[in-house]
Structure formats: structure tokens, C-alpha cells
Amino acid sequence: MNLKSFLNNIVDSLKTTTSITNAVKKMRWLYSKGTNTGNKHTIIGFKYLSPIGEIDLLVRSNRGSDAFIISEVFGQQCYFIPLKNEIDCILDLGANAGYTAVYYSKLFPKANIACVEPMPNNIDVLKKNLTMNCVNAVIFEGAVSVADGKISMEIGDLDYGNKVHDIPFGRNMNNGLLVTEGFSLNTIIEKLLWHKIDLLKIDIEGYEGVLLHQNNSWLAKVGTIIIEIHEGITIETVRKATDAFGFIHIQQKKGNWILSKQPIEIT
């Protein structure tokens, strides 16, 4: 064990939780070995600066998967966007355990939120995290797709990284397949009765290389995209797909790319 790292984690746990008890729970969680199935669940009370404040999150001992995402979302604030316009509708593609949805519910408390997530083990935790934090989001239990219908997912090595099967992007997985429902963006928008998507978060393990280029007329209804780009895809590829729809403001932020139709200032 690295002593310096251990001491830093103690300090961070005391700083980012609501009590000594939760700090201890966080340390136990961080140093639990666990498996990729995340069988052991723990509720930890976290605290962050306004507007996030105090939140309860259900986390899993899943080889650091949840810890990594929570650090990205709440610690590093990789999904923060200083949008000046009113945010009414947020769509989270690749919602995982709901951490980003909870984050956006605090950042944009008046917004309607919808989540798309194909993996059953993530969906269970997603629902509980939304309920505990009073996030009244619509959940699509399936994967986003260029067309409606069944779609095969390659199961990832961890509780993230699951990807659509047989696409030339993202990493190859060898843990078997899961067949789930595929929802097109047009169908999602129709079911939600939304006329626009003010903020679209995309983290779909390479399928963005397909989604943005095929059956993509829905891009006309999107105001801002925050996207993680995966293997085999470049920002130039993304730019070619989005330029025609008015996404002229492009900036990088902590591993993600932000594309917007309005000027944005990233600090």
C-alpha cells in the first residue's frame, strides 16, 4: 500500500463526506477489492461545494468503477458546463449508475432529465440513486441506437465500458453479449414529448461514431453536447457530423469535448 496515497485518501474522505461514519465507509469502499459485478452495495453521504451540496450515493465494490466515475463527475467536475441559457431538457446517454444525472439535477434543478442505460446491473443502482436524491428522471432501459429494435451489447471488463457489438470503434470486449432494446434519438424525443434537448451527454463507448453520422436529423434539436470520444474516433470526425447543424463552438474539458450552438467559456 502506498502510504502517501492512503493518507491523501483519508483527508479527501473527511473533506467530501457528511460525517466521520461516512468517511470511514468511503475508505472501506475505496480499499475493498470487490468484483466487476459489484455485489456489495453501500450508501455514502457525500458533500461538495454549492450547488451540489450534500447527496447520498449508492456505490458498489466493483474494482473501482464507481469510484472512478464519482471522482470524474463530482471531484474533477468533468461534466460541468457554464451554460448561460435556461436548461429545460437534459438527456444522459450512457447513464451508468446515475451519478451524472444526480450531478446535473443539482446544477440545473429546474431541468427535465432522461437517462438511457442498457445494463441491468447499472439500471438497478441508477434507479436507487435517482430516488434517494429526488431526481424525477425518465429511464430508458436499453441502448441508444440509430434505429429502433433489438441491439447486442458487448459486456465490459468493469461496470462501465459496455459497448454496442460489431462496430469499428471502441475497445473490443470478450465477456459475452447482452441483447437489449435499442431506442433511436427520434423515438426517445417523441416518447418524452420534448421539442428540444438543451444538453446532451454522450458516453457510449464508441457508438458515437455511428450515432452522429447515421439518421442524425435529431441534431437540429440539440443545443449543447458534452461527449467522450473513444478509440477510432477523432474530434474532426465528430466535427464533420455536427458542423452542418450549427455546432460551431467546440472546446475540450478534462477528457470530454463540448460542442455548442452558443458561445461557451470553459475555465
Protein backbone atom coordinates (compact mmCIF):
# COMPACT_ATOMS: atom_id res chain seq x y z
CA MET A 1 0.00 0.00 0.00
CA ASN A 2 1.22 3.48 -0.87
CA LEU A 3 1.22 5.35 2.46
CA LYS A 4 1.11 8.82 0.88
CA SER A 5 -1.87 7.87 -1.28
CA PHE A 6 -3.61 6.31 1.72
CA LEU A 7 -3.18 9.46 3.81
CA ASN A 8 -4.39 11.62 0.92
CA ASN A 9 -7.49 9.44 0.64
CA ILE A 10 -8.18 9.87 4.37
CA VAL A 11 -8.00 13.66 4.02
CA ASP A 12 -10.19 13.59 0.92
CA SER A 13 -12.74 11.28 2.57
CA LEU A 14 -13.06 13.59 5.56
CA LYS A 15 -13.44 16.56 3.22
CA THR A 16 -16.02 15.06 0.85
CA THR A 17 -18.36 13.17 3.21
CA THR A 18 -21.01 14.35 5.65
CA SER A 19 -19.71 12.63 8.80
CA ILE A 20 -16.87 10.60 10.31
CA THR A 21 -19.00 7.49 9.81
CA ASN A 22 -19.37 8.23 6.10
CA ALA A 23 -15.65 8.99 5.83
CA VAL A 24 -14.89 5.55 7.27
CA LYS A 25 -17.43 3.96 4.90
CA LYS A 26 -15.80 5.74 1.97
CA MET A 27 -12.33 4.50 2.95
CA ARG A 28 -13.57 0.93 3.31
CA TRP A 29 -15.25 1.24 -0.07
CA LEU A 30 -12.15 2.68 -1.78
CA TYR A 31 -9.97 -0.15 -0.49
CA SER A 32 -12.41 -3.01 -0.96
CA LYS A 33 -11.31 -5.32 -3.74
CA GLY A 34 -14.74 -6.29 -4.99
CA THR A 35 -15.54 -7.69 -8.43
CA ASN A 36 -16.85 -6.30 -11.68
CA THR A 37 -20.33 -7.50 -10.66
CA GLY A 38 -20.34 -5.08 -7.72
CA ASN A 39 -22.27 -7.36 -5.37
CA LYS A 40 -21.57 -5.30 -2.23
CA HIS A 41 -23.54 -2.05 -2.07
CA THR A 42 -23.03 0.85 0.33
CA ILE A 43 -24.82 4.17 0.77
CA ILE A 44 -22.39 7.02 1.49
CA GLY A 45 -23.26 10.61 2.33
CA PHE A 46 -21.10 12.93 0.23
CA LYS A 47 -20.74 16.70 0.40
CA TYR A 48 -19.48 19.11 -2.21
CA LEU A 49 -19.49 22.83 -2.82
CA SER A 50 -22.69 24.57 -3.87
CA PRO A 51 -24.78 23.95 -5.87
CA ILE A 52 -24.17 20.22 -5.32
CA GLY A 53 -24.25 20.27 -1.51
CA GLU A 54 -25.00 17.07 0.41
CA ILE A 55 -26.03 13.96 -1.52
CA ASP A 56 -26.43 10.27 -0.75
CA LEU A 57 -24.99 7.89 -3.32
CA LEU A 58 -25.33 4.15 -3.60
CA VAL A 59 -21.91 2.78 -4.56
CA ARG A 60 -20.59 -0.68 -5.34
CA SER A 61 -17.40 -2.54 -4.52
CA ASN A 62 -16.74 -3.10 -8.21
CA ARG A 63 -12.98 -2.84 -8.71
CA GLY A 64 -13.03 0.95 -8.60
CA SER A 65 -15.58 1.53 -11.39
CA ASP A 66 -17.98 3.63 -9.33
CA ALA A 67 -15.12 5.38 -7.53
CA PHE A 68 -13.63 6.41 -10.88
CA ILE A 69 -16.91 7.82 -12.20
CA ILE A 70 -17.74 9.68 -8.97
CA SER A 71 -14.27 11.23 -8.99
CA GLU A 72 -14.78 12.34 -12.61
CA VAL A 73 -18.26 13.76 -12.03
CA PHE A 74 -18.11 15.32 -8.56
CA GLY A 75 -14.41 15.65 -7.80
CA GLN A 76 -12.96 16.79 -11.12
CA GLN A 77 -16.29 18.15 -12.40
CA CYS A 78 -15.61 16.81 -15.87
CA TYR A 79 -19.24 17.38 -16.86
CA PHE A 80 -19.57 20.98 -15.69
CA ILE A 81 -20.81 23.33 -18.40
CA PRO A 82 -21.26 27.08 -17.78
CA LEU A 83 -24.33 27.47 -19.97
CA LYS A 84 -25.99 30.88 -19.78
CA ASN A 85 -29.30 29.95 -21.39
CA GLU A 86 -32.12 28.26 -19.46
CA ILE A 87 -31.73 24.46 -19.40
CA ASP A 88 -35.08 22.69 -19.67
CA CYS A 89 -34.22 19.24 -21.06
CA ILE A 90 -31.17 17.05 -20.39
CA LEU A 91 -30.61 13.65 -21.97
CA ASP A 92 -27.95 11.34 -20.50
CA LEU A 93 -26.80 8.66 -22.96
CA GLY A 94 -24.81 6.05 -21.07
CA ALA A 95 -26.21 6.97 -17.66
CA ASN A 96 -24.48 4.09 -15.83
CA ALA A 97 -25.31 4.28 -12.08
CA GLY A 98 -26.86 7.74 -12.29
CA TYR A 99 -24.03 9.86 -10.90
CA THR A 100 -24.02 12.34 -13.79
CA ALA A 101 -27.80 12.60 -13.70
CA VAL A 102 -27.69 13.43 -9.98
CA TYR A 103 -24.95 16.00 -10.67
CA TYR A 104 -26.97 17.71 -13.40
CA SER A 105 -30.10 17.69 -11.23
CA LYS A 106 -28.19 19.85 -8.73
CA LEU A 107 -26.58 22.03 -11.39
CA PHE A 108 -29.84 22.57 -13.27
CA PRO A 109 -32.60 21.94 -10.70
CA LYS A 110 -35.47 23.02 -12.99
CA ALA A 111 -34.47 20.76 -15.87
CA ASN A 112 -36.28 17.65 -17.06
CA ILE A 113 -33.84 14.74 -17.15
CA ALA A 114 -33.94 11.45 -19.05
CA CYS A 115 -31.42 8.60 -18.84
CA VAL A 116 -30.57 5.82 -21.28
CA GLU A 117 -28.74 2.79 -19.88
CA PRO A 118 -28.65 -0.78 -21.25
CA MET A 119 -27.00 -2.80 -18.46
CA PRO A 120 -29.34 -4.32 -15.81
CA ASN A 121 -26.72 -4.16 -13.03
CA ASN A 122 -26.31 -0.44 -13.65
CA ILE A 123 -30.04 0.23 -14.05
CA ASP A 124 -30.81 -1.09 -10.56
CA VAL A 125 -28.29 1.28 -8.97
CA LEU A 126 -29.31 4.12 -11.29
CA LYS A 127 -32.93 3.90 -10.10
CA LYS A 128 -31.93 3.90 -6.44
CA ASN A 129 -29.57 6.86 -6.81
CA LEU A 130 -32.23 8.91 -8.58
CA THR A 131 -34.85 8.04 -5.95
CA MET A 132 -32.57 8.81 -3.00
CA ASN A 133 -31.77 12.24 -4.44
CA CYS A 134 -35.34 13.05 -5.52
CA VAL A 135 -34.43 13.14 -9.22
CA ASN A 136 -37.63 12.52 -11.16
CA ALA A 137 -35.95 11.32 -14.34
CA VAL A 138 -37.34 9.15 -17.13
CA ILE A 139 -35.27 5.98 -17.64
CA PHE A 140 -34.98 4.14 -20.95
CA GLU A 141 -33.83 0.60 -20.15
CA GLY A 142 -31.85 -0.08 -23.29
CA ALA A 143 -29.24 1.39 -25.59
CA VAL A 144 -29.39 4.40 -27.86
CA SER A 145 -29.35 3.29 -31.49
CA VAL A 146 -29.69 4.71 -34.99
CA ALA A 147 -32.88 2.67 -35.37
CA ASP A 148 -35.42 1.08 -33.03
CA GLY A 149 -35.12 -2.65 -32.39
CA LYS A 150 -33.04 -5.19 -30.55
CA ILE A 151 -29.35 -4.45 -30.24
CA SER A 152 -26.42 -6.52 -28.91
CA MET A 153 -24.06 -5.13 -26.28
CA GLU A 154 -20.56 -6.39 -25.57
CA ILE A 155 -20.15 -6.73 -21.80
CA GLY A 156 -17.23 -4.70 -20.46
CA ASP A 157 -14.49 -5.74 -18.09
CA LEU A 158 -15.88 -3.37 -15.44
CA ASP A 159 -19.27 -1.81 -14.65
CA TYR A 160 -18.58 0.70 -17.39
CA GLY A 161 -17.15 0.25 -20.87
CA ASN A 162 -20.02 -1.88 -22.22
CA LYS A 163 -20.36 -1.20 -25.94
CA VAL A 164 -22.56 -1.93 -28.92
CA HIS A 165 -21.43 -5.11 -30.65
CA ASP A 166 -19.78 -5.20 -34.07
CA ILE A 167 -18.85 -1.55 -34.54
CA PRO A 168 -15.38 -0.39 -35.69
CA PHE A 169 -14.94 1.92 -32.69
CA GLY A 170 -14.08 1.49 -29.02
CA ARG A 171 -12.26 -1.36 -27.35
CA ASN A 172 -13.03 -5.00 -28.06
CA MET A 173 -14.70 -6.90 -25.22
CA ASN A 174 -14.61 -10.66 -24.70
CA ASN A 175 -17.08 -11.16 -21.84
CA GLY A 176 -20.11 -12.22 -23.82
CA LEU A 177 -23.11 -10.37 -25.26
CA LEU A 178 -26.30 -8.92 -23.87
CA VAL A 179 -29.31 -8.32 -26.12
CA THR A 180 -31.34 -5.27 -25.17
CA GLU A 181 -33.77 -2.76 -26.63
CA GLY A 182 -32.40 -0.12 -28.98
CA PHE A 183 -34.02 3.32 -29.00
CA SER A 184 -33.40 5.87 -31.74
CA LEU A 185 -32.98 9.51 -30.71
CA ASN A 186 -36.11 10.43 -32.64
CA THR A 187 -38.10 7.82 -30.69
CA ILE A 188 -36.65 8.99 -27.37
CA ILE A 189 -37.56 12.62 -28.12
CA GLU A 190 -41.04 11.57 -29.23
CA LYS A 191 -41.69 9.46 -26.13
CA LEU A 192 -40.50 12.30 -23.88
CA LEU A 193 -42.71 14.83 -25.72
CA TRP A 194 -39.70 17.13 -25.91
CA HIS A 195 -39.30 19.70 -28.65
CA LYS A 196 -35.58 20.11 -27.96
CA ILE A 197 -32.62 18.78 -25.98
CA ASP A 198 -30.78 21.63 -24.31
CA LEU A 199 -27.93 19.42 -23.07
CA LEU A 200 -26.99 16.02 -24.46
CA LYS A 201 -24.37 13.96 -22.63
CA ILE A 202 -22.87 11.15 -24.72
CA ASP A 203 -20.66 8.44 -23.24
CA ILE A 204 -21.46 5.33 -25.27
CA GLU A 205 -18.09 3.65 -25.75
CA GLY A 206 -17.53 4.26 -29.44
CA TYR A 207 -21.09 4.12 -30.71
CA GLU A 208 -20.92 7.91 -31.03
CA GLY A 209 -19.03 7.22 -34.27
CA VAL A 210 -22.22 5.67 -35.64
CA LEU A 211 -24.88 7.72 -33.85
CA LEU A 212 -23.66 11.13 -35.02
CA HIS A 213 -23.41 10.11 -38.68
CA GLN A 214 -26.48 7.97 -39.37
CA ASN A 215 -30.13 9.03 -39.11
CA ASN A 216 -28.90 12.19 -37.38
CA SER A 217 -31.57 14.78 -38.18
CA TRP A 218 -32.26 14.99 -34.41
CA LEU A 219 -29.06 17.06 -34.08
CA ALA A 220 -31.10 20.06 -35.21
CA LYS A 221 -32.99 19.85 -31.89
CA VAL A 222 -29.89 19.77 -29.67
CA GLY A 223 -28.34 22.90 -28.15
CA THR A 224 -25.15 21.60 -26.50
CA ILE A 225 -23.35 18.25 -26.49
CA ILE A 226 -20.78 17.02 -23.98
CA ILE A 227 -19.17 13.89 -25.34
CA GLU A 228 -16.41 11.43 -24.52
CA ILE A 229 -14.67 10.29 -27.69
CA HIS A 230 -13.40 6.71 -27.83
CA GLU A 231 -10.97 4.63 -29.83
CA GLY A 232 -11.12 5.06 -33.59
CA ILE A 233 -12.85 8.45 -33.43
CA THR A 234 -11.35 11.94 -33.55
CA ILE A 235 -12.82 15.36 -32.85
CA GLU A 236 -12.54 16.06 -36.58
CA THR A 237 -14.83 13.10 -37.25
CA VAL A 238 -17.31 14.49 -34.76
CA ARG A 239 -16.97 17.98 -36.21
CA LYS A 240 -17.82 16.75 -39.72
CA ALA A 241 -21.06 15.28 -38.42
CA THR A 242 -22.15 18.29 -36.36
CA ASP A 243 -20.97 21.36 -38.30
CA ALA A 244 -23.96 21.32 -40.62
CA PHE A 245 -26.30 21.53 -37.60
CA GLY A 246 -24.72 24.69 -36.18
CA PHE A 247 -22.31 23.33 -33.58
CA ILE A 248 -19.66 25.97 -34.18
CA HIS A 249 -18.29 26.37 -30.64
CA ILE A 250 -16.02 23.45 -29.73
CA GLN A 251 -13.79 23.13 -26.68
CA GLN A 252 -12.12 20.35 -24.72
CA LYS A 253 -12.66 19.91 -21.00
CA LYS A 254 -10.92 17.25 -18.89
CA GLY A 255 -11.25 14.35 -21.30
CA ASN A 256 -14.60 15.41 -22.77
CA TRP A 257 -15.44 17.60 -25.72
CA ILE A 258 -18.15 20.26 -25.60
CA LEU A 259 -19.92 21.24 -28.81
CA SER A 260 -22.44 24.05 -28.67
CA LYS A 261 -24.52 26.37 -30.80
CA GLN A 262 -23.91 29.16 -28.30
CA PRO A 263 -20.60 30.64 -27.08
CA ILE A 264 -19.22 28.86 -24.01
CA GLU A 265 -16.48 29.81 -21.60
CA ILE A 266 -14.61 26.86 -20.11
CA THR A 267 -12.46 27.61 -17.05
